[in-house]
Protein backbone atom coordinates (compact mmCIF):
# COMPACT_ATOMS: atom_id res chain seq x y z
CA MET A 1 102.30 -49.09 -209.64
CA ALA A 2 100.00 -46.10 -210.22
CA ASP A 3 96.35 -46.05 -211.17
CA ARG A 4 95.45 -49.17 -213.06
CA ASP A 5 92.68 -48.82 -215.56
CA ALA A 6 89.76 -50.96 -214.35
CA GLU A 7 89.71 -52.31 -217.88
CA GLY A 8 93.50 -52.76 -217.81
CA ARG A 9 95.58 -55.58 -219.12
CA ARG A 10 94.88 -57.77 -216.12
CA GLY A 11 92.11 -55.86 -214.36
CA ALA A 12 88.62 -57.35 -214.56
CA GLY A 13 89.60 -59.41 -217.58
CA ALA A 14 89.22 -56.59 -220.09
CA ARG A 15 91.67 -54.85 -222.42
CA GLY A 16 93.65 -51.66 -222.22
CA GLY A 17 96.65 -50.23 -220.37
CA ARG A 18 97.43 -48.19 -217.33
CA LEU A 19 95.36 -45.07 -216.86
CA ALA A 20 96.58 -42.25 -219.10
CA GLU A 21 93.78 -39.67 -218.85
CA ARG A 22 90.82 -38.81 -216.68
CA ARG A 23 87.69 -38.89 -218.80
CA LEU A 24 84.46 -40.23 -217.35
CA ARG A 25 82.44 -42.43 -219.68
CA PRO A 26 79.24 -43.65 -218.02
CA TRP A 27 79.08 -46.85 -220.09
CA ARG A 28 82.51 -48.07 -218.97
CA GLN A 29 83.13 -50.79 -216.42
CA ASP A 30 85.26 -48.46 -214.27
CA TYR A 31 82.80 -45.54 -214.18
CA LEU A 32 81.57 -46.04 -210.62
CA VAL A 33 85.05 -45.99 -209.13
CA HIS A 34 86.45 -43.05 -211.08
CA ARG A 35 83.27 -40.99 -210.67
CA TYR A 36 84.22 -40.62 -206.99
CA LEU A 37 87.96 -41.27 -206.89
CA TRP A 38 88.98 -38.53 -209.30
CA PRO A 39 87.06 -35.68 -207.62
CA ASP A 40 88.28 -36.84 -204.20
CA ILE A 41 91.90 -36.78 -205.37
CA GLY A 42 91.35 -33.35 -206.88
CA HIS A 43 89.81 -32.06 -203.65
CA ALA A 44 92.61 -33.52 -201.51
CA VAL A 45 95.32 -32.04 -203.74
CA ALA A 46 93.63 -28.62 -203.80
CA THR A 47 93.26 -28.68 -200.00
CA ALA A 48 96.91 -29.62 -199.53
CA ARG A 49 98.16 -26.96 -201.95
CA ALA A 50 96.09 -24.28 -200.23
CA ARG A 51 97.43 -25.26 -196.81
CA ILE A 52 101.04 -25.55 -197.99
CA GLY A 53 100.91 -22.01 -199.30
CA ALA A 54 104.20 -22.26 -201.21
CA GLU A 55 104.39 -20.30 -204.45
CA ARG A 56 105.88 -23.29 -206.29
CA PRO A 57 105.48 -26.44 -204.17
CA ALA A 58 107.62 -29.51 -204.83
CA VAL A 59 105.47 -32.53 -205.71
CA LEU A 60 106.32 -36.23 -205.88
CA ASP A 61 104.02 -38.43 -207.98
CA LEU A 62 104.83 -41.80 -206.40
CA GLY A 63 103.90 -44.60 -208.78
CA CYS A 64 103.20 -42.15 -211.58
CA GLY A 65 102.26 -44.59 -214.36
CA ASN A 66 101.26 -42.48 -217.36
CA ARG A 67 100.84 -39.35 -215.20
CA PRO A 68 97.03 -39.05 -215.26
CA TYR A 69 97.11 -36.47 -212.44
CA ALA A 70 99.95 -34.26 -213.70
CA ASP A 71 97.49 -31.49 -214.66
CA LEU A 72 96.62 -31.05 -210.96
CA PHE A 73 100.17 -29.81 -210.37
CA ALA A 74 100.44 -26.89 -212.78
CA GLY A 75 102.90 -24.38 -211.34
CA CYS A 76 104.64 -27.01 -209.19
CA ASP A 77 108.07 -28.58 -209.33
CA TYR A 78 106.80 -32.02 -210.34
CA LEU A 79 108.80 -35.25 -210.14
CA ALA A 80 107.32 -38.54 -211.35
CA VAL A 81 108.71 -41.85 -210.09
CA ASP A 82 107.82 -45.49 -210.71
CA ARG A 83 109.45 -48.87 -210.32
CA THR A 84 109.48 -49.46 -214.09
CA THR A 85 109.30 -47.74 -217.46
CA GLU A 86 106.92 -50.39 -218.79
CA ASP A 87 103.66 -48.59 -219.64
CA SER A 88 104.89 -45.73 -217.45
CA ARG A 89 106.64 -42.36 -217.83
CA PRO A 90 108.77 -41.78 -214.72
CA ASP A 91 111.51 -39.20 -214.34
CA VAL A 92 113.20 -41.53 -211.86
CA VAL A 93 112.96 -45.32 -211.55
CA THR A 94 113.03 -46.39 -207.90
CA ASP A 95 111.31 -48.65 -205.38
CA ALA A 96 108.45 -47.02 -203.46
CA THR A 97 109.62 -48.66 -200.22
CA ARG A 98 113.26 -47.54 -200.67
CA LEU A 99 113.13 -44.24 -202.51
CA ALA A 100 116.45 -43.10 -203.99
CA LEU A 101 115.55 -39.53 -203.06
CA ALA A 102 116.72 -37.09 -200.42
CA GLY A 103 114.65 -36.61 -197.27
CA GLU A 104 112.48 -33.55 -196.62
CA ARG A 105 112.50 -32.62 -200.31
CA PHE A 106 108.78 -32.40 -201.17
CA ASP A 107 105.75 -30.41 -200.04
CA LEU A 108 103.24 -32.92 -201.39
CA VAL A 109 103.33 -36.63 -202.23
CA LEU A 110 100.59 -38.23 -204.34
CA CYS A 111 100.41 -42.03 -204.24
CA SER A 112 97.29 -43.29 -206.00
CA GLN A 113 96.28 -46.95 -206.33
CA VAL A 114 99.79 -48.17 -205.62
CA ILE A 115 99.72 -49.34 -202.04
CA GLU A 116 97.81 -52.58 -202.70
CA HIS A 117 100.65 -53.68 -205.03
CA VAL A 118 103.43 -53.17 -202.47
CA PRO A 119 104.32 -56.13 -200.25
CA ASP A 120 105.24 -53.80 -197.36
CA PRO A 121 102.68 -50.93 -197.16
CA PRO A 122 104.10 -49.47 -193.90
CA ALA A 123 107.47 -49.01 -195.64
CA LEU A 124 105.82 -47.04 -198.46
CA VAL A 125 104.07 -44.76 -195.98
CA ARG A 126 107.26 -44.27 -193.95
CA GLU A 127 109.19 -43.35 -197.10
CA SER A 128 106.48 -40.85 -198.04
CA PHE A 129 106.85 -39.31 -194.58
CA ARG A 130 110.66 -39.20 -194.90
CA VAL A 131 110.73 -37.33 -198.21
CA LEU A 132 108.10 -34.78 -197.11
CA ARG A 133 109.13 -31.50 -195.59
CA PRO A 134 107.63 -30.74 -192.16
CA GLY A 135 104.13 -29.42 -192.81
CA GLY A 136 103.90 -31.31 -196.13
CA PHE A 137 101.00 -33.52 -197.18
CA LEU A 138 100.46 -37.06 -198.42
CA VAL A 139 97.49 -37.87 -200.68
CA LEU A 140 97.12 -41.65 -200.59
CA THR A 141 94.46 -43.80 -202.25
CA GLY A 142 93.76 -47.52 -202.28
CA PRO A 143 90.98 -50.10 -202.58
CA PHE A 144 88.67 -51.59 -200.00
CA TRP A 145 86.84 -53.72 -202.58
CA TRP A 146 88.30 -54.54 -205.97
CA PRO A 147 88.88 -57.71 -208.04
CA LEU A 148 92.32 -59.25 -208.25
CA HIS A 149 94.47 -57.34 -210.73
CA GLU A 150 98.11 -56.98 -211.78
CA GLU A 151 98.57 -60.51 -210.49
CA PRO A 152 100.59 -61.83 -208.77
CA HIS A 153 101.48 -58.38 -207.39
CA ASP A 154 98.14 -57.71 -205.70
CA TYR A 155 98.60 -58.05 -201.95
CA HIS A 156 96.27 -55.86 -199.89
CA ARG A 157 92.87 -54.24 -199.36
CA PHE A 158 92.34 -51.51 -196.74
CA THR A 159 89.61 -50.36 -194.39
CA ARG A 160 89.31 -46.76 -193.25
CA HIS A 161 90.79 -47.79 -189.93
CA GLY A 162 93.64 -49.60 -191.67
CA PHE A 163 94.63 -46.42 -193.51
CA GLN A 164 94.43 -44.37 -190.33
CA HIS A 165 96.63 -46.88 -188.52
CA LEU A 166 99.24 -46.87 -191.30
CA LEU A 167 99.38 -43.08 -191.34
CA ARG A 168 99.52 -42.63 -187.56
CA SER A 169 102.18 -45.31 -187.21
CA ALA A 170 104.41 -43.50 -189.71
CA GLY A 171 104.06 -40.21 -187.80
CA PHE A 172 101.42 -38.42 -189.87
CA ALA A 173 98.86 -36.17 -188.20
CA ASP A 174 95.38 -34.87 -189.08
CA ALA A 175 94.62 -37.91 -191.25
CA GLN A 176 91.32 -37.67 -193.13
CA VAL A 177 90.13 -40.84 -194.89
CA MET A 178 87.27 -40.37 -197.34
CA PRO A 179 85.23 -43.14 -198.99
CA ASP A 180 85.25 -42.84 -202.76
CA GLY A 181 81.56 -43.50 -203.26
CA GLY A 182 79.17 -45.54 -201.18
CA ASP A 183 77.64 -48.97 -200.93
CA TRP A 184 75.30 -48.71 -203.90
CA ALA A 185 78.10 -47.50 -206.15
CA GLN A 186 80.23 -50.45 -205.07
CA PHE A 187 77.37 -52.91 -205.62
CA PHE A 188 76.66 -51.77 -209.16
CA LEU A 189 80.38 -51.44 -209.88
CA ALA A 190 80.64 -55.16 -209.11
CA VAL A 191 77.81 -55.77 -211.58
CA ALA A 192 79.44 -53.64 -214.30
CA LEU A 193 82.73 -55.50 -213.92
CA ARG A 194 80.87 -58.71 -214.82
CA LEU A 195 79.54 -57.17 -218.05
CA PRO A 196 82.53 -56.87 -220.40
CA GLY A 197 82.61 -55.89 -224.04
CA PRO A 198 81.02 -53.26 -226.29
CA VAL A 199 77.78 -55.21 -226.78
CA LEU A 200 76.93 -54.80 -223.10
CA ALA A 201 77.74 -51.07 -222.98
CA PRO A 202 74.02 -50.08 -222.85
CA VAL A 203 73.47 -52.42 -219.91
CA ARG A 204 76.48 -50.98 -218.11
CA LEU A 205 75.18 -47.47 -218.73
CA VAL A 206 71.94 -48.35 -216.96
CA THR A 207 73.63 -50.09 -214.02
CA ASN A 208 76.18 -47.27 -213.61
CA LEU A 209 73.55 -44.54 -213.56
CA LEU A 210 71.41 -46.59 -211.19
CA GLY A 211 74.36 -47.03 -208.83
CA ALA A 212 75.16 -43.33 -208.83
CA GLY A 213 71.50 -42.40 -208.31
CA LEU A 214 70.97 -44.79 -205.41
CA ASP A 215 74.23 -43.61 -203.84
CA ARG A 216 72.75 -40.12 -203.70
CA ALA A 217 69.28 -41.23 -202.61
CA ALA A 218 70.34 -43.67 -199.89
CA PRO A 219 73.92 -42.89 -198.85
CA SER A 220 75.77 -45.52 -196.84
CA PHE A 221 79.52 -46.07 -196.61
CA ARG A 222 80.08 -49.53 -195.12
CA TYR A 223 81.27 -51.06 -198.41
CA PRO A 224 83.02 -48.42 -200.52
CA ALA A 225 85.15 -49.53 -203.43
CA ASN A 226 88.02 -47.24 -202.49
CA TYR A 227 89.38 -44.64 -200.05
CA THR A 228 91.28 -41.39 -200.45
CA ALA A 229 93.38 -40.22 -197.50
CA LEU A 230 94.92 -36.83 -196.82
CA ALA A 231 97.51 -36.57 -194.03
CA ARG A 232 100.09 -34.02 -192.89
CA ARG A 233 103.64 -34.42 -191.65
CA PRO A 234 103.80 -32.36 -188.44
CA ARG A 235 105.98 -29.27 -188.42
């Protein structure tokens, strides 16, 4: 669970571990996903915190991994959970589809790049709804296009409409689903993922910058690599 580094142990055939920090490096294979995903998560979290209005909101980091987003929750009561302690730093070990947590406990749930690894995505979304207080928010991210990773526990890819359906079916309202980058970013991301190793870093730098530039010059969002969703539990 949690954000998997695009150059992770099983992701894209490169080396490394689960994401531990957010630092953009334009020569990396994962640049064109994180360039968009990280700001979109930051924007969704900031929007949710502003609308919650609590002085010290309670936050659940669901599938926390190595807590790469913990800095977004300064001043919050922060609880990190994961299904394992392997390459992860949870406060509580529990299953995302059967959380060993009380209902209506949190103001905000963050679940980033976890849902594709869960055999039953609707159960994860229902559990997120259950542990949120009325008026609380879920920030949920997941891939539309991405290579197989963390095999064999890689089960799903999601369209914008798929995310909206999952959220509505669980009872969420006001669901906003944002593409994390556009078609050109996804195209050149696919190229970069076929160019492993330090020798090809200059080539990746060129392809990554070209993808970002074309995304700005000719925006289209039919084939994004990823989506970020923000949804509210009704009061």
